[in-house]
Amino acid sequence: MHGVIRISSRMNYKNSLDSALRCMIAFLLAAVFFSSSPFVAFEANASCSSAANPGVDWQGCRKRNLIMADFDFSGSNFAKTDLSSSDLRGATLTGSDMTKANLVRASLMGVKADKTNFTGVIAYRTDFSGSNFSGSNFSKAEIIRADFTKSIIANTNMSKGEFSRANFSGAVVTGVSFDYSNLARSDFRGSKINAPVSMKGSFLFLTRLEGIDLSKVEGLEDWQLQMACGDATTKLPEGMERPENWPCTEES
């Protein structure tokens, strides 16, 4: 009986060794395959502890509630980075990637953000005022109650985005596409709109257009103007008539 037990124990031990050996061999083979395969690329993880310098890679990092005013971040990677409530006033973001970054309640006042990719960025009550967004991309961005006052928005893609209740007062808007974006209750009063600007299919519910020159805006249709807020000083594209419900009431 004792002999049977000893043989059984040895067999179990041998089976455990064999199993561990097979796992180790499989792991080593997989490592060799993935390191040599031309079809598999390993990307280095972003170094979240890297210093704030031009070209820094903070992709996917948590950088919220930080004070980084006037820093030079040109050419940096902030894709999916959490920058909520951070202070970036006066920073240089030229050529940076902000794809799907979290900018909720962040301050980007006075930033230099030309040729910057803001595609899919998330921003709520974010301060973009007095900034330069020439040649940037805000397509599919989710920006609500943001402040773009006195900003330069030139040759910028703002199509298919969410810009409800955004304030564009005093902004210079040149060569911008708002096609199919939600501009409900946004405010363009006091802004300067220069051709070519397109608002094809954009949602203009109670959008403030009083005193604005829309004569060169492309893609506008009557149904959009009917829901917008203009007045006798709003200039319309040739062939379009001022809606009878203008101006909007105070209750609106």
Protein backbone atom coordinates (compact mmCIF):
# COMPACT_ATOMS: atom_id res chain seq x y z
CA MET A 1 0.00 0.00 0.00
CA HIS A 2 2.80 2.40 0.89
CA GLY A 3 4.47 1.57 -2.40
CA VAL A 4 1.35 2.50 -4.33
CA ILE A 5 1.11 5.84 -2.54
CA ARG A 6 4.79 6.63 -3.28
CA ILE A 7 4.35 5.77 -6.98
CA SER A 8 1.19 7.91 -7.19
CA SER A 9 2.96 10.85 -5.56
CA ARG A 10 5.89 10.56 -7.97
CA MET A 11 3.54 10.48 -10.95
CA ASN A 12 1.66 13.57 -9.75
CA TYR A 13 4.95 15.39 -9.18
CA LYS A 14 6.19 14.37 -12.63
CA ASN A 15 2.92 15.52 -14.23
CA SER A 16 3.20 18.90 -12.47
CA LEU A 17 6.75 19.35 -13.76
CA ASP A 18 5.70 18.40 -17.28
CA SER A 19 2.81 20.89 -17.17
CA ALA A 20 5.03 23.70 -15.90
CA LEU A 21 7.66 22.88 -18.52
CA ARG A 22 5.08 22.96 -21.32
CA CYS A 23 3.78 26.36 -20.14
CA MET A 24 7.31 27.76 -20.02
CA ILE A 25 8.10 26.50 -23.54
CA ALA A 26 4.83 27.97 -24.88
CA PHE A 27 5.62 31.32 -23.28
CA LEU A 28 9.14 31.41 -24.72
CA LEU A 29 7.90 30.45 -28.20
CA ALA A 30 5.22 33.17 -28.07
CA ALA A 31 7.81 35.75 -27.00
CA VAL A 32 10.11 34.80 -29.86
CA PHE A 33 7.25 34.88 -32.36
CA PHE A 34 5.90 38.28 -31.35
CA SER A 35 9.33 39.88 -31.17
CA SER A 36 10.27 38.69 -34.66
CA SER A 37 6.93 38.80 -36.46
CA PRO A 38 6.68 41.62 -39.04
CA PHE A 39 2.91 41.77 -38.47
CA VAL A 40 3.05 42.68 -34.77
CA ALA A 41 4.19 46.04 -33.50
CA PHE A 42 4.68 46.88 -29.87
CA GLU A 43 4.16 50.53 -28.93
CA ALA A 44 6.05 51.93 -25.99
CA ASN A 45 3.75 53.03 -23.22
CA ALA A 46 3.55 56.74 -22.61
CA SER A 47 5.74 57.87 -19.76
CA CYS A 48 3.31 59.66 -17.49
CA SER A 49 6.17 60.82 -15.28
CA SER A 50 7.98 62.61 -18.12
CA ALA A 51 8.65 66.31 -17.63
CA ALA A 52 6.40 68.85 -19.34
CA ASN A 53 8.43 69.59 -22.47
CA PRO A 54 7.83 69.92 -26.23
CA GLY A 55 7.02 66.54 -27.74
CA VAL A 56 6.12 64.90 -24.43
CA ASP A 57 4.10 61.69 -24.70
CA TRP A 58 1.35 61.72 -22.08
CA GLN A 59 -1.08 59.59 -24.04
CA GLY A 60 -3.75 58.18 -21.75
CA CYS A 61 -2.15 59.72 -18.65
CA ARG A 62 -3.97 61.40 -15.78
CA LYS A 63 -2.87 65.04 -15.61
CA ARG A 64 -5.83 66.70 -13.96
CA ASN A 65 -5.82 69.77 -11.68
CA LEU A 66 -2.29 70.74 -12.73
CA ILE A 67 -0.89 74.25 -13.26
CA MET A 68 0.95 74.28 -16.60
CA ALA A 69 0.40 77.85 -17.76
CA ASP A 70 2.78 79.16 -20.46
CA PHE A 71 4.43 75.76 -20.96
CA ASP A 72 5.65 74.75 -24.42
CA PHE A 73 3.92 71.52 -25.44
CA SER A 74 4.37 71.83 -29.18
CA GLY A 75 4.23 68.49 -30.99
CA SER A 76 3.10 66.60 -27.88
CA ASN A 77 0.81 63.58 -27.56
CA PHE A 78 -2.21 64.13 -25.30
CA ALA A 79 -4.52 61.58 -26.93
CA LYS A 80 -7.05 60.35 -24.34
CA THR A 81 -5.19 62.29 -21.63
CA ASP A 82 -7.20 63.49 -18.64
CA LEU A 83 -6.44 67.22 -18.41
CA SER A 84 -9.67 68.13 -16.65
CA SER A 85 -9.56 71.28 -14.49
CA SER A 86 -5.91 71.86 -15.45
CA ASP A 87 -4.48 75.34 -16.08
CA LEU A 88 -2.94 75.56 -19.58
CA ARG A 89 -3.33 79.31 -20.04
CA GLY A 90 -0.91 80.72 -22.59
CA ALA A 91 0.55 77.31 -23.39
CA THR A 92 1.88 76.39 -26.83
CA LEU A 93 0.12 73.34 -28.26
CA THR A 94 1.14 73.77 -31.89
CA GLY A 95 0.94 70.48 -33.79
CA SER A 96 -0.10 68.47 -30.73
CA ASP A 97 -2.52 65.55 -30.66
CA MET A 98 -5.47 66.10 -28.31
CA THR A 99 -7.64 63.33 -29.77
CA LYS A 100 -10.37 62.38 -27.27
CA ALA A 101 -8.61 64.24 -24.46
CA ASN A 102 -10.63 65.24 -21.39
CA LEU A 103 -10.62 69.04 -21.11
CA VAL A 104 -13.63 69.40 -18.82
CA ARG A 105 -13.38 72.71 -16.90
CA ALA A 106 -9.79 73.18 -18.07
CA SER A 107 -8.44 76.62 -18.95
CA LEU A 108 -6.86 76.99 -22.39
CA MET A 109 -7.22 80.74 -22.48
CA GLY A 110 -4.75 82.40 -24.83
CA VAL A 111 -3.18 79.15 -26.04
CA LYS A 112 -1.36 78.83 -29.34
CA ALA A 113 -3.04 75.76 -30.76
CA ASP A 114 -2.53 76.04 -34.49
CA LYS A 115 -2.54 72.75 -36.43
CA THR A 116 -3.64 70.93 -33.29
CA ASN A 117 -5.83 67.83 -33.43
CA PHE A 118 -8.83 68.17 -31.08
CA THR A 119 -10.84 65.41 -32.79
CA GLY A 120 -13.36 63.88 -30.39
CA VAL A 121 -12.16 66.01 -27.49
CA ILE A 122 -14.48 66.22 -24.47
CA ALA A 123 -14.91 69.69 -22.98
CA TYR A 124 -17.53 71.14 -20.64
CA ARG A 125 -17.30 74.74 -19.41
CA THR A 126 -13.81 74.89 -20.87
CA ASP A 127 -12.13 78.25 -21.47
CA PHE A 128 -10.75 78.48 -25.04
CA SER A 129 -10.97 82.29 -25.15
CA GLY A 130 -8.40 84.48 -26.87
CA SER A 131 -6.67 81.51 -28.47
CA ASN A 132 -5.33 80.71 -31.94
CA PHE A 133 -6.85 77.60 -33.50
CA SER A 134 -5.72 78.15 -37.09
CA GLY A 135 -5.60 74.95 -39.11
CA SER A 136 -6.85 72.82 -36.21
CA ASN A 137 -9.39 70.01 -36.18
CA PHE A 138 -12.38 69.90 -33.79
CA SER A 139 -14.42 67.37 -35.77
CA LYS A 140 -16.70 65.14 -33.67
CA ALA A 141 -15.74 67.10 -30.55
CA GLU A 142 -18.11 67.16 -27.59
CA ILE A 143 -17.86 70.74 -26.37
CA ILE A 144 -20.65 72.21 -24.24
CA ARG A 145 -20.89 75.69 -22.65
CA ALA A 146 -17.33 76.45 -23.75
CA ASP A 147 -15.87 79.93 -24.18
CA PHE A 148 -14.32 80.74 -27.58
CA THR A 149 -14.64 84.53 -27.24
CA LYS A 150 -12.08 86.59 -29.15
CA SER A 151 -10.37 83.48 -30.52
CA ILE A 152 -8.95 83.07 -34.02
CA ILE A 153 -10.68 80.11 -35.65
CA ALA A 154 -9.29 79.91 -39.18
CA ASN A 155 -9.21 77.04 -41.67
CA THR A 156 -10.58 74.86 -38.90
CA ASN A 157 -12.71 71.74 -39.14
CA MET A 158 -15.57 71.93 -36.61
CA SER A 159 -17.92 69.56 -38.41
CA LYS A 160 -20.11 66.87 -36.81
CA GLY A 161 -19.38 68.28 -33.38
CA GLU A 162 -21.33 69.23 -30.28
CA PHE A 163 -20.98 72.97 -29.61
CA SER A 164 -24.23 73.72 -27.81
CA ARG A 165 -24.24 76.91 -25.72
CA ALA A 166 -20.70 77.75 -26.84
CA ASN A 167 -19.77 81.42 -26.84
CA PHE A 168 -18.10 82.64 -30.06
CA SER A 169 -18.61 86.35 -29.34
CA GLY A 170 -15.85 88.49 -30.78
CA ALA A 171 -14.18 85.51 -32.47
CA VAL A 172 -12.73 85.73 -35.96
CA VAL A 173 -14.17 82.82 -37.93
CA THR A 174 -12.56 82.26 -41.32
CA GLY A 175 -12.62 79.20 -43.54
CA VAL A 176 -14.45 77.05 -40.99
CA SER A 177 -16.74 74.07 -41.52
CA PHE A 178 -19.59 73.71 -39.02
CA ASP A 179 -21.28 71.12 -41.23
CA TYR A 180 -23.73 68.90 -39.34
CA SER A 181 -22.67 70.29 -35.96
CA ASN A 182 -24.97 71.11 -33.08
CA LEU A 183 -24.77 74.87 -32.49
CA ALA A 184 -27.95 75.10 -30.44
CA ARG A 185 -28.03 78.20 -28.19
CA SER A 186 -24.47 79.08 -29.16
CA ASP A 187 -23.68 82.79 -29.39
CA PHE A 188 -22.02 84.39 -32.44
CA ARG A 189 -22.93 88.00 -31.63
CA GLY A 190 -20.00 90.31 -32.19
CA SER A 191 -18.03 87.68 -34.12
CA LYS A 192 -16.57 88.28 -37.56
CA ILE A 193 -17.44 85.58 -40.07
CA ASN A 194 -15.30 85.56 -43.21
CA ALA A 195 -15.74 83.36 -46.27
CA PRO A 196 -15.60 80.52 -46.79
CA VAL A 197 -17.69 79.30 -43.86
CA SER A 198 -20.07 76.36 -44.20
CA MET A 199 -23.05 75.53 -41.97
CA LYS A 200 -24.58 72.78 -44.06
CA GLY A 201 -26.98 70.75 -41.96
CA SER A 202 -25.90 72.43 -38.73
CA PHE A 203 -28.49 72.63 -35.95
CA LEU A 204 -29.15 76.31 -35.15
CA PHE A 205 -31.86 76.12 -32.50
CA LEU A 206 -31.90 79.55 -30.79
CA THR A 207 -28.38 80.24 -32.06
CA ARG A 208 -27.69 83.96 -31.55
CA LEU A 209 -26.97 85.56 -34.93
CA GLU A 210 -28.03 89.14 -34.27
CA GLY A 211 -25.92 91.65 -36.18
CA ILE A 212 -23.90 88.93 -37.93
CA ASP A 213 -22.96 88.96 -41.60
CA LEU A 214 -24.03 85.57 -42.94
CA SER A 215 -24.02 86.68 -46.57
CA LYS A 216 -21.05 84.47 -47.47
CA VAL A 217 -22.01 81.46 -45.37
CA GLU A 218 -22.56 78.34 -47.47
CA GLY A 219 -25.08 75.56 -46.94
CA LEU A 220 -27.69 77.57 -45.01
CA GLU A 221 -31.34 76.65 -45.54
CA ASP A 222 -34.58 78.31 -44.49
CA TRP A 223 -35.38 75.72 -41.80
CA GLN A 224 -32.12 76.56 -40.03
CA LEU A 225 -32.84 80.29 -39.98
CA GLN A 226 -36.40 79.68 -38.78
CA MET A 227 -35.11 78.18 -35.52
CA ALA A 228 -32.21 80.62 -35.09
CA CYS A 229 -32.25 84.07 -33.48
CA GLY A 230 -31.46 86.93 -35.83
CA ASP A 231 -32.67 90.49 -36.28
CA ALA A 232 -32.94 93.27 -38.85
CA THR A 233 -29.15 93.75 -38.83
CA THR A 234 -28.39 90.12 -39.67
CA LYS A 235 -27.16 89.89 -43.27
CA LEU A 236 -28.36 86.82 -45.12
CA PRO A 237 -27.03 84.97 -48.17
CA GLU A 238 -28.43 86.14 -51.48
CA GLY A 239 -31.93 84.81 -52.17
CA MET A 240 -32.76 84.04 -48.52
CA GLU A 241 -35.52 85.90 -46.67
CA ARG A 242 -35.50 87.00 -43.07
CA PRO A 243 -37.84 84.78 -40.98
CA GLU A 244 -40.99 86.40 -39.68
CA ASN A 245 -40.33 85.12 -36.16
CA TRP A 246 -37.17 87.23 -35.83
CA PRO A 247 -36.10 88.61 -33.42
CA CYS A 248 -36.40 86.01 -30.70
CA THR A 249 -38.41 86.85 -27.62
CA GLU A 250 -36.86 87.36 -24.22
CA GLU A 251 -38.40 84.08 -23.09
CA SER A 252 -36.33 82.27 -25.71
